[in-house]
Every structure is written in C-alpha cells, then in structure tokens.
Amino acid sequence: MDARWSQLGGNSRKNIAKTLTAATIALLRVQPSQFDPVKVRTALREWAFNANRRPDAPREVVTVLRWVERNSLPVSTWEDPERVDDVLRAIDTRLDGKLAAAWSRKRNRRILNVVMKYAIKRRILRTNPFPKVRTRRLRRRPRTPWTSVA
C-alpha cells in the first residue's frame, strides 16, 4: 500500500485499510484477548495501514501493533486453501456478522488481488492464492415488447 499511497485518493486509502485490517485479523494465530477488538482494528486501520500517520503512532498503538506482528501467521499461510477461505470470508463479512453488500465484497476482493499481484511482483509469493472462479451474471430474459401483447 505504501508503494501507491501518494497516487491514491482518500476513499481508496480508506477502503484498502479496511480490507487489509479484516485480512490481517483473519490471519492472526490467536484473537487478541488482552486488547479491545475495536482498538486492534483502529490501530491497524488508522496507523499500520496509513503511511502518513504510522511514524507518529502513540505508545499504546505501537504496543498493539507489535502484538499483531508477533501473532501474525507467516506469508506461507497464503498457500493453505483453508486459510485463504477464512480471509475471503472475513473480507466478505461485516462487523455485525452479516454478509457485506455485493459491491463491497467485489471491491475487497479486487483490493486483495492487487496486493497479491504486488507480492508476486516482489517475489514474496509465487502464485496468487485466490481462486480463479468468476461468477457469471444471470442473463435476463428478453422482455416481450408491449406492442406485441395485444
């Protein structure tokens, strides 16, 4: 994200930070019990995934981010299909547990695909772990013109 930070608009930055936050939390070894979940999400979204604010993070945020760093799974985890499914489920789900809107799910998956392409380009990953399955749109039946109904 830092590589393109200066080229992105505010809403794009916000959406990328939200998606990466959900993915990061899905890839933790254990869920943070000593920290409030809201504080963990805020630390990731507002500080870890914000290139401008990161250097000025308060001490309590740095503590949370160090805990996340210690408890994050290794990059090799992306080769495990079950873990990839966990991440996809996490980015497709709202905080209240309901399924996110279709457009939000599509945007979040696109964001992660861009991140994966960047990781492949930097030789951090060998292949893109996301499934190549594309959902097909349902074709609408042609409507009968109203002039031919009579």
Protein backbone atom coordinates (compact mmCIF):
# COMPACT_ATOMS: atom_id res chain seq x y z
CA MET A 1 0.00 0.00 0.00
CA ASP A 2 2.86 2.37 0.73
CA ALA A 3 4.10 1.96 -2.85
CA ARG A 4 0.96 3.64 -4.25
CA TRP A 5 -0.01 5.81 -1.28
CA SER A 6 0.67 9.16 -2.97
CA GLN A 7 -1.31 8.13 -6.07
CA LEU A 8 -4.48 7.11 -4.20
CA GLY A 9 -7.45 9.21 -3.21
CA GLY A 10 -8.81 9.36 0.32
CA ASN A 11 -11.67 6.89 -0.19
CA SER A 12 -9.36 4.39 -1.90
CA ARG A 13 -6.93 4.60 1.01
CA LYS A 14 -9.78 4.10 3.48
CA ASN A 15 -11.14 1.07 1.63
CA ILE A 16 -7.71 -0.51 1.29
CA ALA A 17 -7.04 0.00 5.00
CA LYS A 18 -10.40 -1.57 5.94
CA THR A 19 -9.81 -4.59 3.70
CA LEU A 20 -6.26 -5.14 4.93
CA THR A 21 -7.45 -4.81 8.53
CA ALA A 22 -10.03 -7.57 8.09
CA ALA A 23 -7.49 -9.79 6.30
CA THR A 24 -4.84 -9.21 8.97
CA ILE A 25 -7.20 -10.08 11.81
CA ALA A 26 -8.24 -13.26 9.96
CA LEU A 27 -4.57 -14.28 9.77
CA LEU A 28 -3.74 -13.96 13.47
CA ARG A 29 -2.63 -17.07 15.39
CA VAL A 30 -4.96 -16.15 18.25
CA GLN A 31 -7.55 -13.46 18.65
CA PRO A 32 -6.37 -10.62 20.90
CA SER A 33 -7.89 -11.19 24.32
CA GLN A 34 -5.80 -8.61 26.19
CA PHE A 35 -6.83 -5.81 23.82
CA ASP A 36 -10.24 -4.46 22.96
CA PRO A 37 -11.08 -5.66 19.40
CA VAL A 38 -12.07 -2.12 18.45
CA LYS A 39 -8.62 -0.85 19.49
CA VAL A 40 -6.92 -3.54 17.42
CA ARG A 41 -8.95 -2.70 14.32
CA THR A 42 -8.39 1.01 14.86
CA ALA A 43 -4.64 0.56 15.34
CA LEU A 44 -4.41 -1.39 12.10
CA ARG A 45 -6.73 0.80 10.04
CA GLU A 46 -5.66 4.23 11.30
CA TRP A 47 -1.96 3.65 12.00
CA ALA A 48 -0.48 0.49 10.46
CA PHE A 49 -2.14 0.98 7.07
CA ASN A 50 -1.72 4.76 6.99
CA ALA A 51 1.70 5.77 5.68
CA ASN A 52 1.39 9.37 6.86
CA ARG A 53 0.35 8.61 10.45
CA ARG A 54 2.43 5.49 11.12
CA PRO A 55 5.59 7.26 12.38
CA ASP A 56 3.55 9.27 14.92
CA ALA A 57 1.68 6.33 16.46
CA PRO A 58 1.07 6.67 20.21
CA ARG A 59 2.73 4.22 22.58
CA GLU A 60 -0.45 2.19 23.21
CA VAL A 61 -0.99 1.79 19.45
CA VAL A 62 2.62 0.68 18.98
CA THR A 63 2.05 -1.94 21.70
CA VAL A 64 -1.00 -3.28 19.87
CA LEU A 65 0.80 -3.31 16.50
CA ARG A 66 3.80 -5.17 17.96
CA TRP A 67 1.43 -7.78 19.39
CA VAL A 68 -0.21 -8.14 15.94
CA GLU A 69 3.22 -8.50 14.33
CA ARG A 70 4.26 -11.24 16.78
CA ASN A 71 0.99 -13.13 16.38
CA SER A 72 0.58 -12.88 12.62
CA LEU A 73 0.95 -16.06 10.63
CA PRO A 74 3.85 -16.33 8.15
CA VAL A 75 3.45 -15.50 4.46
CA SER A 76 3.46 -19.22 3.67
CA THR A 77 -0.05 -19.31 5.17
CA TRP A 78 -1.36 -17.95 1.85
CA GLU A 79 -0.61 -21.39 0.36
CA ASP A 80 -3.19 -23.02 2.65
CA PRO A 81 -6.59 -23.03 0.89
CA GLU A 82 -8.49 -23.18 4.19
CA ARG A 83 -6.77 -20.04 5.45
CA VAL A 84 -7.42 -18.28 2.15
CA ASP A 85 -11.10 -19.18 2.54
CA ASP A 86 -11.01 -17.73 6.07
CA VAL A 87 -9.63 -14.46 4.73
CA LEU A 88 -12.22 -14.31 1.95
CA ARG A 89 -14.97 -14.97 4.48
CA ALA A 90 -13.58 -12.22 6.73
CA ILE A 91 -13.48 -9.58 4.00
CA ASP A 92 -16.95 -10.58 2.78
CA THR A 93 -18.50 -10.18 6.24
CA ARG A 94 -19.50 -7.02 8.06
CA LEU A 95 -18.61 -6.49 11.72
CA ASP A 96 -22.13 -7.48 12.76
CA GLY A 97 -21.65 -10.89 11.11
CA LYS A 98 -23.92 -10.27 8.12
CA LEU A 99 -22.79 -10.61 4.54
CA ALA A 100 -21.49 -7.35 3.08
CA ALA A 101 -23.10 -5.82 0.01
CA ALA A 102 -22.12 -7.36 -3.31
CA TRP A 103 -20.27 -4.25 -4.43
CA SER A 104 -18.26 -4.14 -1.17
CA ARG A 105 -17.31 -7.81 -1.50
CA LYS A 106 -16.21 -7.28 -5.09
CA ARG A 107 -14.16 -4.19 -4.13
CA ASN A 108 -12.49 -6.00 -1.20
CA ARG A 109 -11.54 -8.96 -3.38
CA ARG A 110 -10.10 -6.63 -6.01
CA ILE A 111 -8.02 -4.91 -3.35
CA LEU A 112 -6.60 -8.22 -2.14
CA ASN A 113 -5.90 -9.30 -5.71
CA VAL A 114 -3.87 -6.12 -6.26
CA VAL A 115 -1.98 -6.84 -3.04
CA MET A 116 -1.29 -10.41 -4.19
CA LYS A 117 -0.06 -9.23 -7.60
CA TYR A 118 2.30 -6.84 -5.84
CA ALA A 119 3.55 -9.66 -3.57
CA ILE A 120 4.18 -11.84 -6.63
CA LYS A 121 6.00 -8.99 -8.38
CA ARG A 122 8.22 -8.55 -5.29
CA ARG A 123 8.74 -12.34 -5.11
CA ILE A 124 7.12 -12.61 -1.70
CA LEU A 125 4.57 -15.09 -3.10
CA ARG A 126 4.93 -17.47 -6.04
CA THR A 127 1.31 -17.57 -7.16
CA ASN A 128 -1.93 -15.75 -6.49
CA PRO A 129 -3.74 -17.79 -3.81
CA PHE A 130 -7.22 -16.60 -4.72
CA PRO A 131 -9.46 -18.85 -6.73
CA LYS A 132 -9.76 -18.12 -10.40
CA VAL A 133 -13.51 -18.77 -10.35
CA ARG A 134 -15.55 -15.97 -11.82
CA THR A 135 -19.17 -15.65 -11.00
CA ARG A 136 -21.41 -15.45 -14.01
CA ARG A 137 -24.12 -12.91 -14.33
CA LEU A 138 -27.59 -14.18 -14.79
CA ARG A 139 -28.90 -13.24 -18.18
CA ARG A 140 -32.20 -11.57 -18.20
CA ARG A 141 -34.83 -13.00 -20.48
CA PRO A 142 -35.73 -10.62 -23.24
CA ARG A 143 -38.90 -8.79 -22.40
CA THR A 144 -41.83 -9.04 -24.70
CA PRO A 145 -42.44 -5.67 -26.33
CA TRP A 146 -45.68 -4.13 -25.10
CA THR A 147 -46.80 -3.63 -28.71
CA SER A 148 -47.00 -7.38 -29.30
CA VAL A 149 -49.00 -8.18 -26.18
CA ALA A 150 -52.37 -7.15 -27.62
